[in-house]
């Protein structure tokens, strides 16, 4: 089950929201640091399986289901 890693977000894959998708953290270090900061967590490193749900991105950033623009 995927859970969104943003503090306070209750999104998970078990709930059926047709427009909700989950995105893996980027491998680019600078972009990764921006994403980590956006989670609201401190002294935290995401695991390979950690996700952020599409609620935290502008709709124009998602170019195809589960794919994001830079």
N, C-alpha and C. Protein backbone atom coordinates (compact mmCIF):
# COMPACT_ATOMS: atom_id res chain seq x y z
N UNK A 1 0.85 -1.18 0.00
CA UNK A 1 0.00 0.00 0.00
C UNK A 1 0.89 1.24 0.00
N UNK A 2 0.65 2.16 -0.90
CA UNK A 2 1.39 3.42 -0.96
C UNK A 2 0.69 4.45 -0.09
N UNK A 3 1.49 5.13 0.70
CA UNK A 3 1.01 6.24 1.51
C UNK A 3 1.75 7.49 1.08
N UNK A 4 1.08 8.62 1.12
CA UNK A 4 1.74 9.87 0.82
C UNK A 4 2.63 10.25 2.00
N UNK A 5 3.86 10.69 1.72
CA UNK A 5 4.82 10.99 2.77
C UNK A 5 4.74 12.43 3.28
N UNK A 6 3.86 13.25 2.72
CA UNK A 6 3.72 14.63 3.18
C UNK A 6 3.01 14.62 4.54
N UNK A 7 3.61 15.31 5.51
CA UNK A 7 3.03 15.35 6.85
C UNK A 7 1.58 15.83 6.80
N UNK A 8 0.70 15.09 7.45
CA UNK A 8 -0.71 15.46 7.52
C UNK A 8 -1.56 14.94 6.38
N UNK A 9 -0.95 14.45 5.31
CA UNK A 9 -1.72 13.93 4.18
C UNK A 9 -2.16 12.50 4.49
N UNK A 10 -3.42 12.22 4.27
CA UNK A 10 -3.98 10.90 4.56
C UNK A 10 -4.20 10.06 3.30
N UNK A 11 -3.68 10.52 2.18
CA UNK A 11 -3.90 9.79 0.92
C UNK A 11 -3.17 8.45 0.93
N UNK A 12 -3.86 7.44 0.44
CA UNK A 12 -3.25 6.12 0.25
C UNK A 12 -3.91 5.44 -0.93
N UNK A 13 -3.29 4.38 -1.41
CA UNK A 13 -3.81 3.69 -2.60
C UNK A 13 -5.06 2.89 -2.32
N UNK A 14 -5.36 2.64 -1.06
CA UNK A 14 -6.54 1.85 -0.73
C UNK A 14 -7.83 2.63 -1.03
N UNK A 15 -7.77 3.93 -0.93
CA UNK A 15 -8.95 4.75 -1.24
C UNK A 15 -9.01 4.93 -2.75
N UNK A 16 -10.20 4.91 -3.27
CA UNK A 16 -10.36 4.96 -4.72
C UNK A 16 -10.67 6.37 -5.20
N UNK A 17 -9.64 7.11 -5.55
CA UNK A 17 -9.79 8.45 -6.11
C UNK A 17 -9.27 8.38 -7.54
N UNK A 18 -10.13 8.56 -8.54
CA UNK A 18 -9.72 8.37 -9.93
C UNK A 18 -8.60 9.30 -10.40
N UNK A 19 -8.50 10.49 -9.84
CA UNK A 19 -7.47 11.43 -10.29
C UNK A 19 -6.23 11.44 -9.42
N UNK A 20 -6.15 10.54 -8.45
CA UNK A 20 -5.02 10.51 -7.53
C UNK A 20 -3.96 9.53 -8.02
N UNK A 21 -2.72 10.01 -8.07
CA UNK A 21 -1.61 9.13 -8.44
C UNK A 21 -0.48 9.36 -7.44
N UNK A 22 0.44 8.40 -7.38
CA UNK A 22 1.56 8.46 -6.44
C UNK A 22 2.87 8.49 -7.21
N UNK A 23 3.81 9.31 -6.74
CA UNK A 23 5.05 9.55 -7.48
C UNK A 23 6.26 9.27 -6.60
N UNK A 24 7.21 8.55 -7.16
CA UNK A 24 8.46 8.25 -6.47
C UNK A 24 9.32 9.51 -6.42
N UNK A 25 10.16 9.58 -5.41
CA UNK A 25 11.07 10.72 -5.29
C UNK A 25 12.10 10.67 -6.42
N UNK A 26 12.50 11.84 -6.92
CA UNK A 26 13.47 11.88 -8.03
C UNK A 26 14.86 11.45 -7.59
N UNK A 27 15.67 11.04 -8.54
CA UNK A 27 17.06 10.66 -8.24
C UNK A 27 18.00 11.85 -8.32
N UNK A 28 17.62 12.90 -9.04
CA UNK A 28 18.43 14.11 -9.10
C UNK A 28 18.50 14.73 -7.70
N UNK A 29 19.72 14.94 -7.18
CA UNK A 29 19.90 15.36 -5.80
C UNK A 29 19.21 16.69 -5.48
N UNK A 30 19.36 17.69 -6.34
CA UNK A 30 18.75 19.00 -6.08
C UNK A 30 17.23 18.93 -6.06
N UNK A 31 16.66 18.21 -7.00
CA UNK A 31 15.21 18.04 -7.04
C UNK A 31 14.73 17.21 -5.85
N UNK A 32 15.49 16.19 -5.51
CA UNK A 32 15.17 15.36 -4.35
C UNK A 32 15.09 16.22 -3.08
N UNK A 33 16.05 17.11 -2.89
CA UNK A 33 16.06 17.97 -1.70
C UNK A 33 14.84 18.89 -1.65
N UNK A 34 14.40 19.37 -2.81
CA UNK A 34 13.18 20.20 -2.87
C UNK A 34 11.96 19.39 -2.46
N UNK A 35 11.87 18.17 -2.96
CA UNK A 35 10.75 17.31 -2.61
C UNK A 35 10.75 16.98 -1.13
N UNK A 36 11.92 16.64 -0.58
CA UNK A 36 12.03 16.31 0.84
C UNK A 36 11.57 17.51 1.68
N UNK A 37 12.02 18.70 1.30
CA UNK A 37 11.62 19.91 2.02
C UNK A 37 10.11 20.10 1.97
N UNK A 38 9.50 19.78 0.84
CA UNK A 38 8.06 19.98 0.68
C UNK A 38 7.22 19.02 1.52
N UNK A 39 7.82 17.96 2.05
CA UNK A 39 7.07 17.02 2.88
C UNK A 39 6.81 17.57 4.27
N UNK A 40 7.58 18.59 4.67
CA UNK A 40 7.42 19.15 6.01
C UNK A 40 8.15 18.36 7.08
N UNK A 41 8.94 17.38 6.67
CA UNK A 41 9.68 16.55 7.62
C UNK A 41 11.09 17.11 7.81
N UNK A 42 11.66 16.90 8.99
CA UNK A 42 13.03 17.32 9.25
C UNK A 42 13.89 16.10 9.56
N UNK A 43 15.15 16.17 9.18
CA UNK A 43 16.09 15.06 9.40
C UNK A 43 15.51 13.74 8.91
N UNK A 44 15.02 13.74 7.68
CA UNK A 44 14.34 12.58 7.11
C UNK A 44 14.87 12.31 5.71
N UNK A 45 15.06 11.06 5.40
CA UNK A 45 15.49 10.65 4.06
C UNK A 45 14.47 9.64 3.53
N UNK A 46 13.93 9.89 2.34
CA UNK A 46 12.95 8.95 1.79
C UNK A 46 13.60 7.64 1.38
N UNK A 47 12.84 6.57 1.50
CA UNK A 47 13.28 5.26 1.03
C UNK A 47 12.91 5.14 -0.45
N UNK A 48 13.40 4.11 -1.08
CA UNK A 48 13.11 3.89 -2.50
C UNK A 48 11.61 3.75 -2.75
N UNK A 49 10.88 3.22 -1.79
CA UNK A 49 9.45 2.99 -1.95
C UNK A 49 8.58 4.18 -1.52
N UNK A 50 9.18 5.25 -1.00
CA UNK A 50 8.44 6.41 -0.51
C UNK A 50 7.81 7.18 -1.66
N UNK A 51 6.59 7.65 -1.46
CA UNK A 51 5.83 8.34 -2.51
C UNK A 51 5.25 9.66 -2.01
N UNK A 52 4.91 10.52 -2.97
CA UNK A 52 4.12 11.73 -2.73
C UNK A 52 2.92 11.65 -3.67
N UNK A 53 1.73 11.95 -3.14
CA UNK A 53 0.54 11.87 -4.00
C UNK A 53 0.39 13.12 -4.85
N UNK A 54 -0.41 12.99 -5.88
CA UNK A 54 -0.58 14.07 -6.86
C UNK A 54 -1.31 15.29 -6.30
N UNK A 55 -1.87 15.20 -5.10
CA UNK A 55 -2.51 16.37 -4.48
C UNK A 55 -1.50 17.50 -4.25
N UNK A 56 -0.22 17.17 -4.20
CA UNK A 56 0.81 18.14 -3.85
C UNK A 56 1.54 18.71 -5.07
N UNK A 57 0.98 18.49 -6.25
CA UNK A 57 1.55 19.01 -7.49
C UNK A 57 0.46 19.75 -8.26
N UNK A 58 0.85 20.78 -9.00
CA UNK A 58 -0.11 21.45 -9.89
C UNK A 58 -0.48 20.46 -10.99
N UNK A 59 -1.72 20.52 -11.43
CA UNK A 59 -2.18 19.58 -12.46
C UNK A 59 -1.34 19.63 -13.73
N UNK A 60 -0.80 20.81 -14.07
CA UNK A 60 0.00 20.91 -15.30
C UNK A 60 1.38 20.29 -15.14
N UNK A 61 1.76 19.88 -13.93
CA UNK A 61 3.04 19.22 -13.72
C UNK A 61 2.97 17.72 -14.04
N UNK A 62 1.78 17.15 -13.98
CA UNK A 62 1.60 15.73 -14.29
C UNK A 62 1.33 15.62 -15.78
N UNK A 63 2.30 15.06 -16.52
CA UNK A 63 2.15 14.99 -17.97
C UNK A 63 1.48 13.71 -18.44
N UNK A 64 1.53 12.70 -17.63
CA UNK A 64 0.89 11.43 -17.93
C UNK A 64 0.78 10.72 -16.59
N UNK A 65 -0.16 9.85 -16.44
CA UNK A 65 -0.36 9.20 -15.15
C UNK A 65 0.97 8.68 -14.60
N UNK A 66 1.29 9.08 -13.40
CA UNK A 66 2.50 8.70 -12.67
C UNK A 66 3.78 9.28 -13.26
N UNK A 67 3.70 10.28 -14.13
CA UNK A 67 4.88 10.95 -14.67
C UNK A 67 4.77 12.44 -14.39
N UNK A 68 5.88 13.04 -13.97
CA UNK A 68 5.89 14.46 -13.65
C UNK A 68 6.86 15.21 -14.53
N UNK A 69 6.58 16.49 -14.76
CA UNK A 69 7.56 17.34 -15.44
C UNK A 69 8.60 17.75 -14.42
N UNK A 70 9.72 18.25 -14.88
CA UNK A 70 10.79 18.64 -13.95
C UNK A 70 10.42 19.84 -13.19
